[in-house]
N, C-alpha and C. Protein backbone atom coordinates (compact mmCIF):
# COMPACT_ATOMS: atom_id res chain seq x y z
N UNK A 1 -64.74 45.77 26.77
CA UNK A 1 -63.39 45.30 26.51
C UNK A 1 -62.54 45.43 27.77
N UNK A 2 -61.68 44.49 27.97
CA UNK A 2 -60.66 44.51 29.01
C UNK A 2 -61.22 44.57 30.43
N UNK A 3 -62.39 44.02 30.64
CA UNK A 3 -62.98 44.06 31.98
C UNK A 3 -62.15 43.26 32.97
N UNK A 4 -61.28 42.39 32.50
CA UNK A 4 -60.51 41.52 33.38
C UNK A 4 -59.06 41.94 33.51
N UNK A 5 -58.64 43.00 32.83
CA UNK A 5 -57.23 43.40 32.85
C UNK A 5 -56.73 43.71 34.25
N UNK A 6 -57.56 44.32 35.07
CA UNK A 6 -57.10 44.67 36.42
C UNK A 6 -56.73 43.42 37.22
N UNK A 7 -57.35 42.31 36.87
CA UNK A 7 -57.07 41.05 37.57
C UNK A 7 -55.81 40.36 37.04
N UNK A 8 -55.35 40.79 35.89
CA UNK A 8 -54.21 40.13 35.24
C UNK A 8 -52.90 40.91 35.35
N UNK A 9 -52.87 41.95 36.15
CA UNK A 9 -51.66 42.77 36.24
C UNK A 9 -50.41 41.94 36.53
N UNK A 10 -50.49 41.06 37.51
CA UNK A 10 -49.30 40.28 37.86
C UNK A 10 -48.93 39.28 36.77
N UNK A 11 -49.92 38.71 36.12
CA UNK A 11 -49.67 37.75 35.03
C UNK A 11 -49.03 38.46 33.84
N UNK A 12 -49.57 39.61 33.48
CA UNK A 12 -49.01 40.38 32.37
C UNK A 12 -47.59 40.83 32.70
N UNK A 13 -47.35 41.19 33.96
CA UNK A 13 -46.01 41.58 34.37
C UNK A 13 -45.04 40.40 34.24
N UNK A 14 -45.47 39.21 34.69
CA UNK A 14 -44.63 38.02 34.56
C UNK A 14 -44.31 37.71 33.11
N UNK A 15 -45.27 38.01 32.23
CA UNK A 15 -45.08 37.76 30.80
C UNK A 15 -44.25 38.85 30.14
N UNK A 16 -44.00 39.94 30.86
CA UNK A 16 -43.23 41.04 30.30
C UNK A 16 -44.04 41.90 29.35
N UNK A 17 -45.34 41.88 29.48
CA UNK A 17 -46.23 42.64 28.60
C UNK A 17 -46.67 43.90 29.33
N UNK A 18 -46.28 45.04 28.77
CA UNK A 18 -46.68 46.33 29.31
C UNK A 18 -47.94 46.79 28.60
N UNK A 19 -48.98 47.06 29.37
CA UNK A 19 -50.25 47.49 28.80
C UNK A 19 -50.25 49.01 28.66
N UNK A 20 -50.60 49.47 27.48
CA UNK A 20 -50.74 50.90 27.23
C UNK A 20 -52.04 51.12 26.47
N UNK A 21 -52.43 52.35 26.35
CA UNK A 21 -53.66 52.63 25.61
C UNK A 21 -53.52 52.23 24.14
N UNK A 22 -52.28 52.23 23.64
CA UNK A 22 -52.05 51.87 22.24
C UNK A 22 -52.14 50.36 21.99
N UNK A 23 -51.74 49.55 22.96
CA UNK A 23 -51.71 48.10 22.71
C UNK A 23 -52.77 47.31 23.47
N UNK A 24 -53.60 47.98 24.23
CA UNK A 24 -54.59 47.29 25.06
C UNK A 24 -55.52 46.41 24.23
N UNK A 25 -55.98 46.93 23.10
CA UNK A 25 -56.89 46.16 22.26
C UNK A 25 -56.20 44.93 21.68
N UNK A 26 -54.94 45.08 21.25
CA UNK A 26 -54.21 43.94 20.70
C UNK A 26 -53.99 42.87 21.77
N UNK A 27 -53.70 43.29 22.98
CA UNK A 27 -53.53 42.34 24.08
C UNK A 27 -54.85 41.62 24.35
N UNK A 28 -55.92 42.38 24.37
CA UNK A 28 -57.25 41.81 24.60
C UNK A 28 -57.58 40.77 23.54
N UNK A 29 -57.35 41.10 22.28
CA UNK A 29 -57.61 40.15 21.19
C UNK A 29 -56.75 38.90 21.34
N UNK A 30 -55.50 39.08 21.72
CA UNK A 30 -54.60 37.94 21.89
C UNK A 30 -55.07 37.03 23.01
N UNK A 31 -55.50 37.62 24.12
CA UNK A 31 -55.99 36.81 25.24
C UNK A 31 -57.21 36.03 24.83
N UNK A 32 -58.13 36.66 24.10
CA UNK A 32 -59.30 35.95 23.60
C UNK A 32 -58.86 34.75 22.73
N UNK A 33 -57.88 34.99 21.87
CA UNK A 33 -57.39 33.92 21.01
C UNK A 33 -56.73 32.80 21.79
N UNK A 34 -55.96 33.15 22.79
CA UNK A 34 -55.26 32.15 23.59
C UNK A 34 -56.25 31.20 24.27
N UNK A 35 -57.34 31.76 24.78
CA UNK A 35 -58.31 30.92 25.49
C UNK A 35 -59.43 30.42 24.59
N UNK A 36 -59.44 30.85 23.31
CA UNK A 36 -60.42 30.35 22.35
C UNK A 36 -61.83 30.85 22.54
N UNK A 37 -61.96 32.13 22.91
CA UNK A 37 -63.28 32.72 23.10
C UNK A 37 -63.44 33.85 22.09
N UNK A 38 -64.63 33.96 21.53
CA UNK A 38 -64.92 35.00 20.54
C UNK A 38 -64.62 36.38 21.13
N UNK A 39 -63.99 37.23 20.31
CA UNK A 39 -63.59 38.57 20.75
C UNK A 39 -64.79 39.37 21.22
N UNK A 40 -64.57 40.08 22.27
CA UNK A 40 -65.50 40.97 22.96
C UNK A 40 -66.45 40.26 23.91
N UNK A 41 -66.30 38.96 24.10
CA UNK A 41 -67.12 38.26 25.08
C UNK A 41 -66.32 38.24 26.39
N UNK A 42 -66.41 39.33 27.10
CA UNK A 42 -65.56 39.56 28.26
C UNK A 42 -65.76 38.53 29.37
N UNK A 43 -66.99 38.29 29.76
CA UNK A 43 -67.21 37.39 30.90
C UNK A 43 -66.78 35.96 30.58
N UNK A 44 -67.04 35.49 29.38
CA UNK A 44 -66.61 34.14 29.00
C UNK A 44 -65.09 34.07 28.92
N UNK A 45 -64.47 35.13 28.47
CA UNK A 45 -63.01 35.16 28.38
C UNK A 45 -62.40 35.13 29.77
N UNK A 46 -62.91 35.94 30.67
CA UNK A 46 -62.38 35.96 32.02
C UNK A 46 -62.54 34.60 32.69
N UNK A 47 -63.67 33.95 32.49
CA UNK A 47 -63.89 32.61 33.04
C UNK A 47 -62.85 31.64 32.50
N UNK A 48 -62.61 31.69 31.18
CA UNK A 48 -61.64 30.79 30.55
C UNK A 48 -60.22 31.10 31.02
N UNK A 49 -59.91 32.37 31.19
CA UNK A 49 -58.58 32.76 31.66
C UNK A 49 -58.35 32.24 33.08
N UNK A 50 -59.33 32.41 33.95
CA UNK A 50 -59.19 31.92 35.33
C UNK A 50 -58.94 30.42 35.34
N UNK A 51 -59.69 29.68 34.54
CA UNK A 51 -59.51 28.23 34.46
C UNK A 51 -58.11 27.89 33.97
N UNK A 52 -57.68 28.61 32.94
CA UNK A 52 -56.36 28.37 32.36
C UNK A 52 -55.24 28.66 33.35
N UNK A 53 -55.41 29.73 34.12
CA UNK A 53 -54.39 30.08 35.11
C UNK A 53 -54.28 29.02 36.21
N UNK A 54 -55.40 28.44 36.58
CA UNK A 54 -55.38 27.38 37.59
C UNK A 54 -54.71 26.14 37.02
N UNK A 55 -55.03 25.81 35.77
CA UNK A 55 -54.52 24.59 35.14
C UNK A 55 -53.04 24.70 34.77
N UNK A 56 -52.68 25.83 34.15
CA UNK A 56 -51.31 25.98 33.66
C UNK A 56 -50.94 27.44 33.44
N UNK A 57 -50.69 28.12 34.54
CA UNK A 57 -50.33 29.54 34.46
C UNK A 57 -49.08 29.75 33.63
N UNK A 58 -48.08 28.90 33.80
CA UNK A 58 -46.83 29.06 33.04
C UNK A 58 -47.06 28.97 31.54
N UNK A 59 -47.93 28.07 31.11
CA UNK A 59 -48.23 27.95 29.69
C UNK A 59 -48.94 29.17 29.15
N UNK A 60 -49.84 29.73 29.94
CA UNK A 60 -50.55 30.95 29.54
C UNK A 60 -49.57 32.11 29.41
N UNK A 61 -48.68 32.23 30.37
CA UNK A 61 -47.66 33.29 30.33
C UNK A 61 -46.77 33.11 29.11
N UNK A 62 -46.39 31.88 28.82
CA UNK A 62 -45.55 31.61 27.65
C UNK A 62 -46.26 32.05 26.36
N UNK A 63 -47.55 31.77 26.26
CA UNK A 63 -48.29 32.18 25.06
C UNK A 63 -48.40 33.70 24.96
N UNK A 64 -48.54 34.38 26.08
CA UNK A 64 -48.54 35.84 26.06
C UNK A 64 -47.20 36.37 25.57
N UNK A 65 -46.13 35.78 26.06
CA UNK A 65 -44.79 36.20 25.62
C UNK A 65 -44.63 35.99 24.11
N UNK A 66 -45.13 34.89 23.61
CA UNK A 66 -45.03 34.61 22.19
C UNK A 66 -45.86 35.59 21.37
N UNK A 67 -46.98 36.03 21.92
CA UNK A 67 -47.85 36.97 21.21
C UNK A 67 -47.23 38.37 21.16
N UNK A 68 -46.36 38.68 22.13
CA UNK A 68 -45.75 40.01 22.22
C UNK A 68 -44.24 39.90 22.43
N UNK A 69 -43.54 39.31 21.46
CA UNK A 69 -42.10 39.07 21.65
C UNK A 69 -41.26 40.33 21.74
N UNK A 70 -41.74 41.42 21.17
CA UNK A 70 -40.96 42.67 21.20
C UNK A 70 -40.92 43.29 22.57
N UNK A 71 -41.80 42.87 23.45
CA UNK A 71 -41.85 43.44 24.79
C UNK A 71 -41.06 42.64 25.81
N UNK A 72 -40.71 41.42 25.47
CA UNK A 72 -40.02 40.59 26.47
C UNK A 72 -38.54 40.59 26.25
């Protein structure tokens, strides 16, 4: 789980999402859902996230904000 979180620090910061031990799993599940990859498939998720960030980083950030509105 969360093998790609270290690579997403700046993206999560832009989205206003603070990662903690309590919410890390929920964030991970949300990211899997955003990119449409089965939960716990880390390498496929990271690949899809990278592609999504190249194509439309702002849209990905917007979806993260929508998934965690209490943090933004």
